[in-house]
Amino acid sequence: MKYRKLGNSGVLVSSLSLGTMQFGRAMKMGNLDQEQTERMVRFAIDGGINLIDTADVYSRGESETLVGAALRGIRDRVILATKARLPMSDTDFNNSGASRRNLMYEVEASLRRLQTDHIDLYQIHGWDSLTPLEETLRTLDDLVRSGKVRYIGLSNYLAWQAATALGLAEREHLTKYVTAQMYYSLVGRELEHEFVSFAEYHRLGLLVWSPLAGGFLSGKYDRQHSPPPNTRFAEAGRFVPFDLERGYGIIEAVKAVADRHAATAAQISLAWLLSRPFVSSVIIAARTTERLTENMRAVDIELDPQDLEELDRVSDPGDPYPKWMVLQLDEAEDPRRRVLEPTRFRRKDLRETRWSTEP
């Protein structure tokens, strides 16, 4: 296993982390019971994974309960992350959102289920348009100061929302987000339009969820093969939206690179994400230790420039405005680039080549 910084913190985390949506039955993402959860958790830790990511809403608390029991006696070996914000009740409408009331309630509930006195990384599961941002950030700051939470992160924010949160935290001297848990994959690179450059500028570590696009990038599916039974893709359909026909072209390129490395399509898809320096950790999940082992081997794959060029070319989503104009002015028209970075300076008009959604 290899390790990276957890965003702008001094904590080191494994480049691959263990996701937990498959623990529990309510979400129908794996239906693993306590014995299976314990086996998976201990196997991951023994393999070098030290970051486990869960959420209160995963099977309405069951995932946290299973993880907490699985970590008895070995809690200090992991960086434990969970999330709050999504509804945890069908009848209490206040048991939702990022309000002080809900977060204070939910953090205590998560601590009980996880059988721990602190959460290493507490993440807001999504933007709450009904709660003042300062209320959320002050609550998180209080949780850090109380010792119940060590670090805080965001998830599923727009770039302007995350930027506003960081700016407000700095102005009010509140604890800042150190990570952003976001969807990112070879068939879903829209995050690069704005969020990636924002995260790099602020040294916000990216935790990638659904790196295989709900199983599509595992390589099991192509134009000739429909999803096999007992897989997430077959049971739930496309877990994340993407153009299926374009996706088939991407998976063909992934398989070609995989053949050169004697690897699986899933390993190559994960290795591509691991080649991105702004990624702190890629969250992987599995129903069996055999599949987890296979995916963990992605850390040993070094993609060469040809591999990366092929994968980038076929999956590049293009650059919408204003990104193409920003790149045009900063990379193709600023003469200072020629002096400081002659190998990067581009003399041609980027608008002719980058504004395209064709592979």
Protein backbone atom coordinates (compact mmCIF):
# COMPACT_ATOMS: atom_id res chain seq x y z
CA MET A 1 0.00 0.00 0.00
CA LYS A 2 1.06 3.60 -0.60
CA TYR A 3 0.14 6.61 1.51
CA ARG A 4 -0.71 10.25 0.92
CA LYS A 5 -1.58 13.31 2.98
CA LEU A 6 -5.20 13.69 4.01
CA GLY A 7 -5.70 16.99 2.25
CA ASN A 8 -4.18 19.96 4.04
CA SER A 9 -3.52 18.04 7.26
CA GLY A 10 -0.59 16.19 8.79
CA VAL A 11 -2.36 12.82 8.64
CA LEU A 12 -1.25 10.11 6.21
CA VAL A 13 -3.89 7.86 4.69
CA SER A 14 -3.75 4.88 2.37
CA SER A 15 -4.15 5.80 -1.30
CA LEU A 16 -6.99 3.28 -1.40
CA SER A 17 -9.61 3.37 1.34
CA LEU A 18 -12.45 1.05 2.28
CA GLY A 19 -16.00 2.09 1.47
CA THR A 20 -18.87 0.64 3.47
CA MET A 21 -22.11 0.95 1.53
CA GLN A 22 -22.05 -2.82 1.11
CA PHE A 23 -22.32 -3.36 4.87
CA GLY A 24 -25.95 -3.84 5.88
CA ARG A 25 -29.11 -4.75 4.03
CA ALA A 26 -31.29 -1.68 3.62
CA MET A 27 -29.42 -0.18 0.66
CA LYS A 28 -29.16 -3.46 -1.28
CA MET A 29 -25.54 -2.72 -2.15
CA GLY A 30 -24.04 -5.96 -0.91
CA ASN A 31 -26.02 -7.11 2.11
CA LEU A 32 -22.92 -8.09 4.10
CA ASP A 33 -23.66 -9.17 7.69
CA GLN A 34 -21.55 -8.74 10.83
CA GLU A 35 -19.29 -11.71 10.21
CA GLN A 36 -18.66 -10.71 6.61
CA THR A 37 -18.08 -7.10 7.62
CA GLU A 38 -15.50 -8.08 10.23
CA ARG A 39 -13.68 -10.28 7.74
CA MET A 40 -13.62 -7.51 5.13
CA VAL A 41 -12.51 -4.79 7.58
CA ARG A 42 -9.69 -6.85 9.07
CA PHE A 43 -8.55 -8.02 5.65
CA ALA A 44 -8.38 -4.41 4.42
CA ILE A 45 -6.44 -3.26 7.47
CA ASP A 46 -3.99 -6.16 7.19
CA GLY A 47 -3.48 -5.13 3.56
CA GLY A 48 -2.41 -1.63 4.57
CA ILE A 49 -5.69 0.28 4.23
CA ASN A 50 -5.97 2.69 7.14
CA LEU A 51 -8.94 4.86 6.06
CA ILE A 52 -12.49 3.52 6.43
CA ASP A 53 -15.32 5.69 5.14
CA THR A 54 -18.94 5.29 6.15
CA ALA A 55 -22.03 7.47 6.71
CA ASP A 56 -24.99 7.59 9.06
CA VAL A 57 -27.39 7.17 6.16
CA TYR A 58 -25.82 3.94 4.87
CA SER A 59 -28.58 1.42 5.62
CA ARG A 60 -29.91 3.98 8.12
CA GLY A 61 -27.13 3.43 10.64
CA GLU A 62 -26.59 -0.29 10.13
CA SER A 63 -23.32 0.21 8.27
CA GLU A 64 -21.90 2.30 11.13
CA THR A 65 -23.07 -0.30 13.64
CA LEU A 66 -21.39 -3.14 11.75
CA VAL A 67 -18.18 -1.15 11.28
CA GLY A 68 -18.09 -0.16 14.94
CA ALA A 69 -18.37 -3.77 16.06
CA ALA A 70 -15.75 -4.85 13.51
CA LEU A 71 -13.28 -2.30 14.89
CA ARG A 72 -13.46 -3.46 18.51
CA GLY A 73 -9.89 -3.77 19.73
CA ILE A 74 -8.36 -2.26 16.57
CA ARG A 75 -10.01 1.18 16.46
CA ASP A 76 -6.65 2.93 16.87
CA ARG A 77 -5.33 1.36 13.66
CA VAL A 78 -7.65 3.31 11.35
CA ILE A 79 -8.63 6.82 10.31
CA LEU A 80 -12.40 6.56 10.72
CA ALA A 81 -14.56 8.80 8.55
CA THR A 82 -18.31 9.21 8.52
CA LYS A 83 -20.86 11.66 7.14
CA ALA A 84 -24.10 13.38 8.12
CA ARG A 85 -26.72 15.60 6.47
CA LEU A 86 -29.12 13.22 4.66
CA PRO A 87 -32.51 12.20 6.15
CA MET A 88 -32.37 9.61 8.94
CA SER A 89 -36.12 9.50 9.60
CA ASP A 90 -39.27 9.14 7.55
CA THR A 91 -41.33 11.08 10.08
CA ASP A 92 -39.08 13.73 11.72
CA PHE A 93 -38.29 16.33 9.07
CA ASN A 94 -35.75 17.99 11.40
CA ASN A 95 -33.72 14.79 11.43
CA SER A 96 -32.12 15.98 8.20
CA GLY A 97 -29.80 18.71 6.99
CA ALA A 98 -26.68 20.41 8.33
CA SER A 99 -28.37 22.41 11.09
CA ARG A 100 -26.85 22.63 14.57
CA ARG A 101 -29.74 20.62 15.94
CA ASN A 102 -29.33 17.76 13.51
CA LEU A 103 -25.53 17.62 13.46
CA MET A 104 -25.30 17.62 17.27
CA TYR A 105 -27.81 14.78 17.38
CA GLU A 106 -26.29 12.80 14.54
CA VAL A 107 -22.68 12.99 15.74
CA GLU A 108 -23.72 11.47 19.07
CA ALA A 109 -25.67 8.75 17.28
CA SER A 110 -22.69 7.98 15.03
CA LEU A 111 -20.33 7.82 18.01
CA ARG A 112 -22.62 5.29 19.70
CA ARG A 113 -22.97 3.13 16.62
CA LEU A 114 -19.24 3.28 15.85
CA GLN A 115 -18.40 2.52 19.51
CA THR A 116 -15.79 5.26 19.65
CA ASP A 117 -15.24 8.53 21.50
CA HIS A 118 -14.14 10.45 18.42
CA ILE A 119 -14.51 10.59 14.64
CA ASP A 120 -11.32 11.27 12.72
CA LEU A 121 -13.01 12.85 9.69
CA TYR A 122 -16.57 14.16 9.92
CA GLN A 123 -18.02 15.10 6.54
CA ILE A 124 -21.08 17.06 5.49
CA HIS A 125 -22.76 14.78 2.97
CA GLY A 126 -24.05 17.59 0.78
CA TRP A 127 -24.84 21.31 0.59
CA ASP A 128 -27.79 22.37 2.74
CA SER A 129 -29.56 25.32 1.12
CA LEU A 130 -31.97 25.68 4.07
CA THR A 131 -29.36 26.11 6.81
CA PRO A 132 -27.12 29.19 7.10
CA LEU A 133 -23.59 28.14 6.23
CA GLU A 134 -22.19 29.86 9.32
CA GLU A 135 -24.47 27.71 11.51
CA THR A 136 -23.02 24.54 9.97
CA LEU A 137 -19.42 25.70 10.20
CA ARG A 138 -19.72 26.91 13.80
CA THR A 139 -21.26 23.60 14.80
CA LEU A 140 -18.42 21.69 13.14
CA ASP A 141 -15.89 23.98 14.84
CA ASP A 142 -17.52 23.24 18.21
CA LEU A 143 -17.30 19.50 17.53
CA VAL A 144 -13.60 19.78 16.75
CA ARG A 145 -12.94 21.89 19.85
CA SER A 146 -14.84 19.39 21.99
CA GLY A 147 -12.61 16.55 20.78
CA LYS A 148 -15.47 14.53 19.30
CA VAL A 149 -14.20 15.27 15.78
CA ARG A 150 -10.59 15.61 14.62
CA TYR A 151 -10.99 16.95 11.05
CA ILE A 152 -13.90 18.00 8.86
CA GLY A 153 -14.65 17.47 5.20
CA LEU A 154 -17.31 18.27 2.63
CA SER A 155 -18.99 16.12 0.02
CA ASN A 156 -20.95 16.82 -3.15
CA TYR A 157 -20.50 20.61 -3.12
CA LEU A 158 -20.23 22.89 -6.12
CA ALA A 159 -16.92 24.72 -6.33
CA TRP A 160 -18.47 28.08 -5.37
CA GLN A 161 -20.13 26.49 -2.34
CA ALA A 162 -16.87 24.97 -1.13
CA ALA A 163 -14.99 28.23 -1.79
CA THR A 164 -17.59 30.19 0.16
CA ALA A 165 -17.26 27.75 3.07
CA LEU A 166 -13.47 28.05 3.17
CA GLY A 167 -13.62 31.82 2.94
CA LEU A 168 -16.19 32.09 5.73
CA ALA A 169 -14.21 29.72 7.96
CA GLU A 170 -11.06 31.78 7.45
CA ARG A 171 -12.83 35.07 8.11
CA GLU A 172 -14.47 33.80 11.31
CA HIS A 173 -11.41 31.79 12.45
CA LEU A 174 -13.32 28.50 12.30
CA THR A 175 -12.02 25.03 11.53
CA LYS A 176 -11.62 24.57 7.77
CA TYR A 177 -12.57 21.64 5.60
CA VAL A 178 -9.50 19.56 4.72
CA THR A 179 -11.11 17.12 2.27
CA ALA A 180 -13.78 16.91 -0.40
CA GLN A 181 -15.44 13.58 -1.09
CA MET A 182 -16.59 13.73 -4.70
CA TYR A 183 -17.51 11.46 -7.59
CA TYR A 184 -14.73 11.15 -10.16
CA SER A 185 -13.97 8.47 -12.75
CA LEU A 186 -12.86 7.92 -16.32
CA VAL A 187 -16.50 8.18 -17.46
CA GLY A 188 -17.21 11.08 -15.11
CA ARG A 189 -14.52 13.75 -15.37
CA GLU A 190 -16.77 16.80 -15.07
CA LEU A 191 -15.13 17.52 -11.73
CA GLU A 192 -12.17 18.83 -13.73
CA HIS A 193 -14.20 21.73 -15.13
CA GLU A 194 -13.76 23.82 -11.98
CA PHE A 195 -13.58 21.82 -8.77
CA VAL A 196 -10.19 20.18 -9.29
CA SER A 197 -8.32 23.43 -9.86
CA PHE A 198 -10.12 24.97 -6.89
CA ALA A 199 -9.16 22.01 -4.67
CA GLU A 200 -5.54 22.13 -5.81
CA TYR A 201 -5.30 25.85 -5.09
CA HIS A 202 -6.62 25.40 -1.55
CA ARG A 203 -4.86 22.05 -0.97
CA LEU A 204 -8.19 20.37 -0.36
CA GLY A 205 -7.66 16.62 -0.58
CA LEU A 206 -9.98 14.70 -2.90
CA LEU A 207 -11.59 11.49 -1.65
CA VAL A 208 -13.05 9.75 -4.68
CA TRP A 209 -16.34 7.89 -4.42
CA SER A 210 -17.64 5.44 -7.05
CA PRO A 211 -14.27 5.31 -8.89
CA LEU A 212 -15.56 2.49 -11.11
CA ALA A 213 -18.81 4.33 -11.93
CA GLY A 214 -21.02 1.89 -10.09
CA GLY A 215 -19.16 -1.10 -11.51
CA PHE A 216 -19.21 -0.09 -15.17
CA LEU A 217 -15.42 0.34 -15.31
CA SER A 218 -14.87 -3.15 -13.92
CA GLY A 219 -14.77 -4.29 -17.55
CA LYS A 220 -17.67 -6.70 -17.31
CA TYR A 221 -19.83 -4.66 -19.63
CA ASP A 222 -19.46 -3.71 -23.26
CA ARG A 223 -21.59 -3.47 -26.36
CA GLN A 224 -21.85 -7.26 -26.60
CA HIS A 225 -22.35 -8.12 -22.92
CA SER A 226 -25.21 -6.97 -20.71
CA PRO A 227 -24.64 -6.67 -16.96
CA PRO A 228 -24.40 -10.11 -15.33
CA PRO A 229 -26.77 -10.96 -12.47
CA ASN A 230 -25.88 -10.27 -8.84
CA THR A 231 -23.89 -7.15 -9.68
CA ARG A 232 -24.62 -3.58 -8.61
CA PHE A 233 -24.98 -2.47 -12.23
CA ALA A 234 -27.55 -5.20 -12.95
CA GLU A 235 -29.52 -4.62 -9.75
CA ALA A 236 -29.56 -0.83 -9.57
CA GLY A 237 -28.75 0.34 -13.09
CA ARG A 238 -26.35 3.22 -13.63
CA PHE A 239 -25.37 4.33 -10.13
CA VAL A 240 -23.96 7.55 -11.62
CA PRO A 241 -25.09 9.18 -14.87
CA PHE A 242 -22.91 8.99 -17.97
CA ASP A 243 -23.29 8.57 -21.71
CA LEU A 244 -23.36 4.81 -22.20
CA GLU A 245 -22.14 4.81 -25.80
CA ARG A 246 -19.23 7.07 -24.90
CA GLY A 247 -18.59 4.84 -21.91
CA TYR A 248 -18.21 1.82 -24.18
CA GLY A 249 -15.48 3.64 -26.11
CA ILE A 250 -13.70 4.45 -22.86
CA ILE A 251 -13.86 0.87 -21.60
CA GLU A 252 -12.36 -0.34 -24.88
CA ALA A 253 -9.35 1.93 -24.31
CA VAL A 254 -9.12 0.80 -20.68
CA LYS A 255 -9.04 -2.84 -21.74
CA ALA A 256 -6.32 -2.14 -24.31
CA VAL A 257 -4.14 -0.57 -21.62
CA ALA A 258 -5.02 -3.42 -19.23
CA ASP A 259 -3.80 -5.98 -21.77
CA ARG A 260 -0.39 -4.29 -21.93
CA HIS A 261 -0.06 -4.44 -18.14
CA ALA A 262 -1.60 -7.90 -17.67
CA ALA A 263 -4.11 -6.17 -15.42
CA THR A 264 -7.87 -5.89 -15.10
CA ALA A 265 -9.96 -3.01 -16.37
CA ALA A 266 -10.83 -2.12 -12.77
CA GLN A 267 -7.15 -1.95 -11.82
CA ILE A 268 -6.35 0.36 -14.73
CA SER A 269 -9.34 2.60 -13.95
CA LEU A 270 -8.17 2.89 -10.34
CA ALA A 271 -4.53 3.39 -11.36
CA TRP A 272 -5.59 6.30 -13.59
CA LEU A 273 -7.22 7.99 -10.59
CA LEU A 274 -4.16 7.30 -8.45
CA SER A 275 -2.01 9.06 -11.05
CA ARG A 276 -3.82 12.33 -10.20
CA PRO A 277 -1.71 14.20 -7.60
CA PHE A 278 -4.70 16.00 -6.08
CA VAL A 279 -6.33 12.72 -5.02
CA SER A 280 -5.83 11.87 -1.34
CA SER A 281 -7.53 8.49 -1.48
CA VAL A 282 -9.78 6.44 -3.74
CA ILE A 283 -12.64 4.72 -1.94
CA ILE A 284 -13.16 1.13 -3.04
CA ALA A 285 -15.77 -1.37 -1.94
CA ALA A 286 -16.21 -5.07 -2.53
CA ARG A 287 -18.44 -7.96 -1.57
CA THR A 288 -15.59 -10.45 -1.32
CA THR A 289 -12.00 -10.34 -0.11
CA GLU A 290 -10.94 -11.73 -3.49
CA ARG A 291 -12.35 -8.71 -5.30
CA LEU A 292 -10.90 -6.37 -2.70
CA THR A 293 -7.47 -7.96 -3.19
CA GLU A 294 -7.74 -7.51 -6.94
CA ASN A 295 -8.60 -3.83 -6.65
CA MET A 296 -5.90 -3.17 -4.04
CA ARG A 297 -3.28 -4.30 -6.54
CA ALA A 298 -3.99 -1.15 -8.53
CA VAL A 299 -1.48 0.69 -6.31
CA ASP A 300 1.33 -1.32 -7.92
CA ILE A 301 0.48 -0.30 -11.49
CA GLU A 302 2.51 2.55 -12.95
CA LEU A 303 0.84 3.95 -16.05
CA ASP A 304 3.32 5.30 -18.58
CA PRO A 305 2.83 8.47 -20.67
CA GLN A 306 1.35 6.47 -23.56
CA ASP A 307 -1.21 4.85 -21.27
CA LEU A 308 -2.22 8.17 -19.77
CA GLU A 309 -2.44 9.87 -23.16
CA GLU A 310 -4.73 7.14 -24.52
CA LEU A 311 -7.00 7.18 -21.48
CA ASP A 312 -7.10 10.97 -21.27
CA ARG A 313 -7.85 11.39 -24.98
CA VAL A 314 -10.81 9.02 -25.05
CA SER A 315 -12.29 10.26 -21.76
CA ASP A 316 -11.64 14.02 -21.98
CA PRO A 317 -15.02 15.73 -21.47
CA GLY A 318 -13.88 19.00 -23.03
CA ASP A 319 -13.66 22.41 -21.40
CA PRO A 320 -16.83 24.51 -21.01
CA TYR A 321 -16.72 28.27 -20.67
CA PRO A 322 -15.15 29.93 -18.73
CA LYS A 323 -12.53 27.18 -18.31
CA TRP A 324 -11.43 27.24 -21.94
CA MET A 325 -10.97 31.01 -21.77
CA VAL A 326 -8.98 30.74 -18.52
CA LEU A 327 -6.67 28.16 -20.13
CA GLN A 328 -6.43 30.20 -23.31
CA LEU A 329 -5.31 33.32 -21.49
CA ASP A 330 -3.05 31.59 -18.96
CA GLU A 331 -1.41 28.90 -21.10
CA ALA A 332 -1.59 29.98 -24.72
CA GLU A 333 -1.40 33.77 -24.69
CA ASP A 334 0.66 34.78 -21.64
CA PRO A 335 4.26 35.27 -22.88
CA ARG A 336 5.63 34.75 -19.37
CA ARG A 337 4.87 31.05 -19.79
CA ARG A 338 7.42 30.86 -22.59
CA VAL A 339 10.10 32.07 -20.19
CA LEU A 340 9.10 30.15 -17.06
CA GLU A 341 7.74 26.93 -18.55
CA PRO A 342 8.92 26.58 -22.17
CA THR A 343 7.82 22.94 -22.37
CA ARG A 344 4.30 23.84 -21.31
CA PHE A 345 3.82 27.02 -23.30
CA ARG A 346 1.30 26.49 -26.07
CA ARG A 347 1.39 28.69 -29.12
CA LYS A 348 -1.76 27.39 -30.78
CA ASP A 349 -5.27 28.54 -30.00
CA LEU A 350 -6.63 26.13 -27.39
CA ARG A 351 -10.19 26.94 -28.38
CA GLU A 352 -9.64 24.99 -31.59
CA THR A 353 -8.80 21.75 -29.79
CA ARG A 354 -10.21 21.70 -26.27
CA TRP A 355 -13.86 22.65 -26.60
CA SER A 356 -15.08 19.26 -27.70
CA THR A 357 -16.99 16.41 -26.08
CA GLU A 358 -15.95 13.89 -28.72
CA PRO A 359 -13.54 11.11 -27.59
